[in-house]
């Protein structure tokens, strides 16, 4: 099994594909990734990628939020008894 700190260009984490490594002012390793939805990510810390804390550019949370809103709206506003 490879070293988890060996991140290669093109490696996938969830919906993200690593494009390049960038250094942030604190010296920690961050990566710019492209998402399956077509968006580019902000710099993502190495730990977030390898631990599975970041799996998309945010599109997964946005779609979950829309689904939850539809469920909530339907329950609160369409099922009121008269």
Protein backbone atom coordinates (compact mmCIF):
# COMPACT_ATOMS: atom_id res chain seq x y z
CA UNK A 1 0.00 0.00 0.00
CA UNK A 2 1.36 3.45 -0.92
CA UNK A 3 2.22 6.26 1.42
CA UNK A 4 -0.92 8.41 1.99
CA UNK A 5 1.26 11.52 1.60
CA UNK A 6 2.13 10.57 -1.99
CA UNK A 7 -0.55 12.42 -3.91
CA UNK A 8 -0.23 12.28 -7.67
CA UNK A 9 -1.71 14.51 -10.35
CA UNK A 10 -4.83 12.76 -11.65
CA UNK A 11 -5.52 10.90 -8.40
CA UNK A 12 -9.20 10.82 -7.43
CA UNK A 13 -10.84 11.53 -4.07
CA UNK A 14 -14.62 11.22 -4.26
CA UNK A 15 -15.71 13.47 -7.14
CA UNK A 16 -12.40 15.38 -7.12
CA UNK A 17 -9.40 14.86 -9.42
CA UNK A 18 -6.10 16.39 -8.29
CA UNK A 19 -4.75 18.95 -10.80
CA UNK A 20 -1.84 20.59 -8.98
CA UNK A 21 -0.22 21.12 -5.61
CA UNK A 22 0.03 24.58 -4.09
CA UNK A 23 1.75 25.80 -0.95
CA UNK A 24 -0.17 28.03 1.39
CA UNK A 25 1.64 30.58 3.58
CA UNK A 26 1.66 28.19 6.56
CA UNK A 27 3.73 25.75 4.45
CA UNK A 28 1.13 22.95 4.50
CA UNK A 29 0.36 21.02 1.33
CA UNK A 30 -2.87 21.99 -0.43
CA UNK A 31 -4.24 20.85 -3.77
CA UNK A 32 -6.34 22.38 -6.53
CA UNK A 33 -8.78 19.81 -7.87
CA UNK A 34 -11.40 19.64 -10.58
CA UNK A 35 -14.81 18.25 -9.70
CA UNK A 36 -16.94 15.91 -11.79
CA UNK A 37 -19.51 18.73 -12.08
CA UNK A 38 -16.91 20.85 -13.95
CA UNK A 39 -15.98 23.32 -11.19
CA UNK A 40 -12.45 23.91 -9.88
CA UNK A 41 -11.96 23.75 -6.13
CA UNK A 42 -10.35 26.23 -3.79
CA UNK A 43 -7.08 24.93 -2.29
CA UNK A 44 -7.88 21.80 -0.25
CA UNK A 45 -5.59 20.68 2.59
CA UNK A 46 -3.87 17.32 2.17
CA UNK A 47 -5.54 15.94 5.31
CA UNK A 48 -9.04 16.77 4.07
CA UNK A 49 -8.45 14.78 0.88
CA UNK A 50 -6.83 11.74 2.47
CA UNK A 51 -9.29 11.59 5.39
CA UNK A 52 -12.33 11.88 3.12
CA UNK A 53 -13.47 15.16 4.65
CA UNK A 54 -13.66 16.88 1.25
CA UNK A 55 -15.23 14.84 -1.57
CA UNK A 56 -16.50 17.53 -3.95
CA UNK A 57 -16.31 21.24 -4.75
CA UNK A 58 -19.51 21.77 -2.76
CA UNK A 59 -21.92 20.50 -5.39
CA UNK A 60 -22.86 17.48 -3.25
CA UNK A 61 -23.89 19.70 -0.33
CA UNK A 62 -25.76 22.08 -2.63
CA UNK A 63 -27.76 19.21 -4.15
CA UNK A 64 -28.45 17.74 -0.70
CA UNK A 65 -29.57 21.16 0.48
CA UNK A 66 -31.98 21.48 -2.45
CA UNK A 67 -33.40 18.01 -1.77
CA UNK A 68 -33.82 18.78 1.93
CA UNK A 69 -35.49 22.10 1.12
CA UNK A 70 -38.01 20.37 -1.16
CA UNK A 71 -38.83 17.81 1.54
CA UNK A 72 -39.13 20.47 4.25
CA UNK A 73 -41.18 22.83 2.09
CA UNK A 74 -43.55 20.04 1.07
CA UNK A 75 -44.07 18.87 4.65
CA UNK A 76 -44.49 22.37 6.12
CA UNK A 77 -46.52 24.02 3.38
CA UNK A 78 -48.37 21.35 1.42
CA UNK A 79 -49.66 19.13 4.21
CA UNK A 80 -51.37 21.73 6.37
CA UNK A 81 -54.75 20.64 7.59
CA UNK A 82 -57.60 23.06 7.09
